[in-house]
């Protein structure tokens, strides 16, 4: 009991002491640790922020609508891609078929145009076997040649006229050169084989003799 009284008296004497400058005055009350209080507040704020972020993540994970929307958009683009690929494949097949038909039809049209000429040639051959009239036979052959030329013209095939003109390597092929004087130098003096154009493109080059 004596020791307890002495301790109580010591504590009572320390309650109102003046510590001097720079020492916190607690006015007779036990001083709190300010550093510990601040640290405690910081930890609480950090825990609150972490809890908020975790809560947002939980909400995003718990909401399946975002994943459903993304999956629906992916399916939509995939469907568009497959449709476009199928359309392109159909277009490629259709174009190839049209080209093949165009080639076959073009050849068929040319052959049909040549058949009447062939018929005229056969009749001319039969007439030559029965007739000695050279003039009549000559006229018949001329008519057949004109008919054949007209059939080619209707198909866009025209002869290249080069005789007497300046030699043009774009339309003609020089097979020989002939000393024809200065006035015919560099010009076509004779056509060995007629050249033809199909539209504006060379179908066959003319074989010519060029003067020098």
Protein backbone atom coordinates (compact mmCIF):
# COMPACT_ATOMS: atom_id res chain seq x y z
CA UNK A 1 0.00 0.00 0.00
CA UNK A 2 2.89 2.37 0.77
CA UNK A 3 4.45 1.78 -2.61
CA UNK A 4 1.10 2.41 -4.38
CA UNK A 5 0.68 5.75 -2.60
CA UNK A 6 4.20 6.85 -3.50
CA UNK A 7 3.53 5.98 -7.23
CA UNK A 8 0.25 7.88 -7.23
CA UNK A 9 1.94 10.91 -5.73
CA UNK A 10 4.69 10.79 -8.39
CA UNK A 11 2.17 10.67 -11.17
CA UNK A 12 0.16 13.50 -9.67
CA UNK A 13 3.26 15.68 -9.43
CA UNK A 14 4.08 15.08 -13.15
CA UNK A 15 0.58 16.01 -14.40
CA UNK A 16 1.14 19.75 -14.42
CA UNK A 17 4.80 20.07 -15.38
CA UNK A 18 6.09 22.66 -17.84
CA UNK A 19 8.29 20.98 -20.42
CA UNK A 20 9.73 24.11 -21.96
CA UNK A 21 9.89 25.38 -25.52
CA UNK A 22 9.34 22.97 -28.39
CA UNK A 23 7.74 20.31 -26.30
CA UNK A 24 4.06 19.73 -26.88
CA UNK A 25 1.82 20.79 -24.11
CA UNK A 26 -0.88 18.28 -23.37
CA UNK A 27 -2.42 20.33 -20.51
CA UNK A 28 -2.20 17.60 -18.00
CA UNK A 29 -3.48 14.92 -20.37
CA UNK A 30 -1.43 12.07 -21.87
CA UNK A 31 -0.03 13.18 -25.23
CA UNK A 32 -1.09 11.23 -28.30
CA UNK A 33 1.37 10.08 -30.96
CA UNK A 34 0.55 12.37 -33.90
CA UNK A 35 2.70 10.39 -36.32
CA UNK A 36 0.80 7.24 -35.52
CA UNK A 37 -2.53 9.02 -36.05
CA UNK A 38 -1.49 10.36 -39.49
CA UNK A 39 -0.22 7.00 -40.59
CA UNK A 40 -3.46 5.45 -39.56
CA UNK A 41 -5.44 7.91 -41.71
CA UNK A 42 -3.20 7.25 -44.74
CA UNK A 43 -3.70 3.52 -44.44
CA UNK A 44 -7.44 3.98 -44.21
CA UNK A 45 -7.52 6.16 -47.41
CA UNK A 46 -5.39 3.61 -49.30
CA UNK A 47 -7.61 0.79 -48.18
CA UNK A 48 -10.70 2.76 -49.27
CA UNK A 49 -9.20 3.37 -52.80
CA UNK A 50 -8.24 -0.28 -53.17
CA UNK A 51 -11.68 -1.32 -52.06
CA UNK A 52 -13.27 1.05 -54.62
CA UNK A 53 -11.10 -0.32 -57.50
CA UNK A 54 -11.83 -3.87 -56.47
CA UNK A 55 -15.52 -3.03 -56.32
CA UNK A 56 -15.41 -1.59 -59.90
CA UNK A 57 -13.64 -4.70 -61.15
CA UNK A 58 -16.24 -6.86 -59.49
CA UNK A 59 -19.01 -4.87 -61.15
CA UNK A 60 -17.38 -5.20 -64.60
CA UNK A 61 -16.87 -8.92 -64.11
CA UNK A 62 -20.38 -9.34 -62.83
CA UNK A 63 -21.87 -7.50 -65.89
CA UNK A 64 -21.98 -9.94 -68.83
CA UNK A 65 -23.52 -7.39 -71.20
CA UNK A 66 -20.08 -6.04 -72.23
CA UNK A 67 -18.85 -9.48 -73.28
CA UNK A 68 -22.11 -10.20 -75.07
CA UNK A 69 -21.90 -6.96 -77.06
CA UNK A 70 -18.30 -7.67 -78.06
CA UNK A 71 -19.14 -11.22 -79.06
CA UNK A 72 -22.11 -9.99 -81.12
CA UNK A 73 -19.90 -7.46 -82.95
CA UNK A 74 -17.30 -10.14 -83.71
CA UNK A 75 -20.01 -12.43 -85.09
CA UNK A 76 -21.34 -9.58 -87.23
CA UNK A 77 -17.95 -8.81 -88.80
CA UNK A 78 -17.31 -12.51 -89.32
CA UNK A 79 -20.62 -12.85 -91.15
CA UNK A 80 -19.82 -9.83 -93.36
CA UNK A 81 -16.41 -11.29 -94.21
CA UNK A 82 -17.88 -14.67 -95.17
CA UNK A 83 -20.54 -13.01 -97.33
CA UNK A 84 -17.97 -10.83 -99.09
CA UNK A 85 -15.72 -13.83 -99.73
CA UNK A 86 -18.64 -15.80 -101.19
CA UNK A 87 -19.68 -12.88 -103.41
CA UNK A 88 -16.13 -12.47 -104.73
CA UNK A 89 -15.86 -16.19 -105.46
CA UNK A 90 -19.17 -16.09 -107.36
CA UNK A 91 -18.02 -13.01 -109.29
CA UNK A 92 -14.75 -14.73 -110.25
CA UNK A 93 -16.56 -17.83 -111.49
CA UNK A 94 -19.13 -15.79 -113.39
CA UNK A 95 -16.45 -13.64 -115.06
CA UNK A 96 -14.46 -16.72 -116.10
CA UNK A 97 -17.58 -18.31 -117.55
CA UNK A 98 -18.46 -15.14 -119.47
CA UNK A 99 -14.95 -14.95 -120.92
CA UNK A 100 -15.12 -18.56 -122.09
CA UNK A 101 -18.54 -17.96 -123.63
CA UNK A 102 -17.28 -14.79 -125.30
CA UNK A 103 -14.36 -16.65 -126.88
CA UNK A 104 -16.62 -19.46 -128.06
CA UNK A 105 -19.31 -17.09 -129.33
CA UNK A 106 -16.75 -14.88 -131.08
CA UNK A 107 -15.26 -17.86 -132.89
CA UNK A 108 -18.74 -19.09 -133.78
CA UNK A 109 -19.72 -15.71 -135.26
CA UNK A 110 -16.59 -15.57 -137.41
CA UNK A 111 -17.13 -19.11 -138.70
CA UNK A 112 -20.76 -18.35 -139.54
CA UNK A 113 -19.62 -15.29 -141.49
CA UNK A 114 -17.07 -17.36 -143.42
CA UNK A 115 -19.52 -20.12 -144.43
CA UNK A 116 -21.24 -18.06 -147.18
CA UNK A 117 -17.84 -17.23 -148.65
CA UNK A 118 -16.97 -20.90 -148.62
CA UNK A 119 -20.22 -21.67 -150.43
CA UNK A 120 -19.33 -19.10 -153.13
CA UNK A 121 -15.87 -20.64 -153.56
CA UNK A 122 -17.41 -24.08 -154.07
CA UNK A 123 -19.82 -22.72 -156.70
CA UNK A 124 -16.94 -20.97 -158.48
CA UNK A 125 -14.94 -24.20 -158.59
CA UNK A 126 -17.95 -26.07 -160.01
CA UNK A 127 -18.45 -23.33 -162.63
CA UNK A 128 -14.80 -23.50 -163.73
CA UNK A 129 -15.21 -27.20 -164.45
CA UNK A 130 -18.20 -26.57 -166.76
CA UNK A 131 -17.41 -23.22 -168.40
CA UNK A 132 -14.56 -21.88 -170.51
CA UNK A 133 -15.65 -18.25 -170.11
CA UNK A 134 -12.60 -16.76 -168.42
CA UNK A 135 -14.13 -13.31 -168.01
CA UNK A 136 -17.16 -14.69 -166.22
CA UNK A 137 -14.97 -16.75 -163.93
CA UNK A 138 -12.79 -13.74 -163.17
CA UNK A 139 -15.82 -11.64 -162.26
CA UNK A 140 -17.07 -14.41 -159.98
CA UNK A 141 -13.76 -14.62 -158.14
CA UNK A 142 -13.69 -10.83 -157.71
CA UNK A 143 -17.17 -10.92 -156.17
CA UNK A 144 -16.10 -13.66 -153.77
CA UNK A 145 -13.05 -11.65 -152.69
CA UNK A 146 -15.18 -8.55 -152.11
CA UNK A 147 -17.67 -10.56 -150.09
CA UNK A 148 -14.89 -12.02 -147.98
CA UNK A 149 -13.38 -8.56 -147.38
CA UNK A 150 -16.79 -7.21 -146.31
CA UNK A 151 -17.26 -10.11 -143.88
CA UNK A 152 -13.92 -9.28 -142.28
CA UNK A 153 -14.73 -5.58 -142.12
CA UNK A 154 -17.98 -6.29 -140.29
CA UNK A 155 -15.92 -8.12 -137.68
CA UNK A 156 -13.57 -5.15 -137.25
CA UNK A 157 -10.75 -6.50 -139.43
CA UNK A 158 -9.30 -4.00 -141.92
CA UNK A 159 -6.25 -4.07 -144.21
CA UNK A 160 -3.21 -1.91 -143.44
CA UNK A 161 -2.44 0.36 -146.40
CA UNK A 162 1.33 0.94 -146.39
CA UNK A 163 2.48 1.01 -150.03
CA UNK A 164 4.02 4.39 -150.93
CA UNK A 165 4.04 5.55 -147.28
CA UNK A 166 6.87 6.04 -144.83
CA UNK A 167 7.99 2.75 -143.29
CA UNK A 168 6.39 2.31 -139.87
CA UNK A 169 7.81 -0.50 -137.71
CA UNK A 170 4.65 -0.33 -135.57
CA UNK A 171 2.57 -1.80 -138.41
CA UNK A 172 5.05 -3.26 -140.90
CA UNK A 173 7.96 -5.66 -141.08
CA UNK A 174 10.72 -5.00 -143.63
CA UNK A 175 11.66 -8.22 -145.41
CA UNK A 176 13.85 -6.61 -148.10
CA UNK A 177 15.41 -3.33 -149.19
CA UNK A 178 15.48 -2.00 -152.73
CA UNK A 179 17.48 0.80 -154.33
CA UNK A 180 14.62 3.03 -155.46
CA UNK A 181 16.28 6.47 -155.49
CA UNK A 182 16.22 9.35 -153.08
CA UNK A 183 12.52 10.09 -153.58
CA UNK A 184 11.54 6.59 -152.32
CA UNK A 185 14.20 6.30 -149.63
CA UNK A 186 12.65 5.10 -146.37
CA UNK A 187 9.30 4.43 -148.04
CA UNK A 188 7.45 1.19 -148.70
CA UNK A 189 7.85 0.39 -152.40
CA UNK A 190 6.04 -2.97 -152.38
CA UNK A 191 3.82 -5.09 -150.09
CA UNK A 192 4.71 -8.76 -150.01
CA UNK A 193 1.97 -9.70 -147.55
CA UNK A 194 -0.96 -7.53 -146.50
CA UNK A 195 -1.20 -6.63 -142.83
CA UNK A 196 -4.47 -6.34 -140.91
CA UNK A 197 -5.82 -4.42 -137.95
CA UNK A 198 -8.41 -5.68 -135.49
CA UNK A 199 -9.95 -2.46 -134.32
CA UNK A 200 -6.94 -0.26 -133.55
CA UNK A 201 -4.55 -3.13 -132.78
CA UNK A 202 -2.29 -4.95 -135.20
CA UNK A 203 -3.68 -8.38 -136.00
CA UNK A 204 -0.92 -9.19 -138.47
CA UNK A 205 2.10 -7.09 -139.51
CA UNK A 206 2.49 -6.23 -143.16
CA UNK A 207 5.59 -7.64 -144.85
CA UNK A 208 7.05 -4.96 -147.10
CA UNK A 209 10.00 -3.92 -149.26
CA UNK A 210 11.60 -0.64 -148.20
CA UNK A 211 13.41 1.73 -150.60
CA UNK A 212 16.93 2.92 -149.97
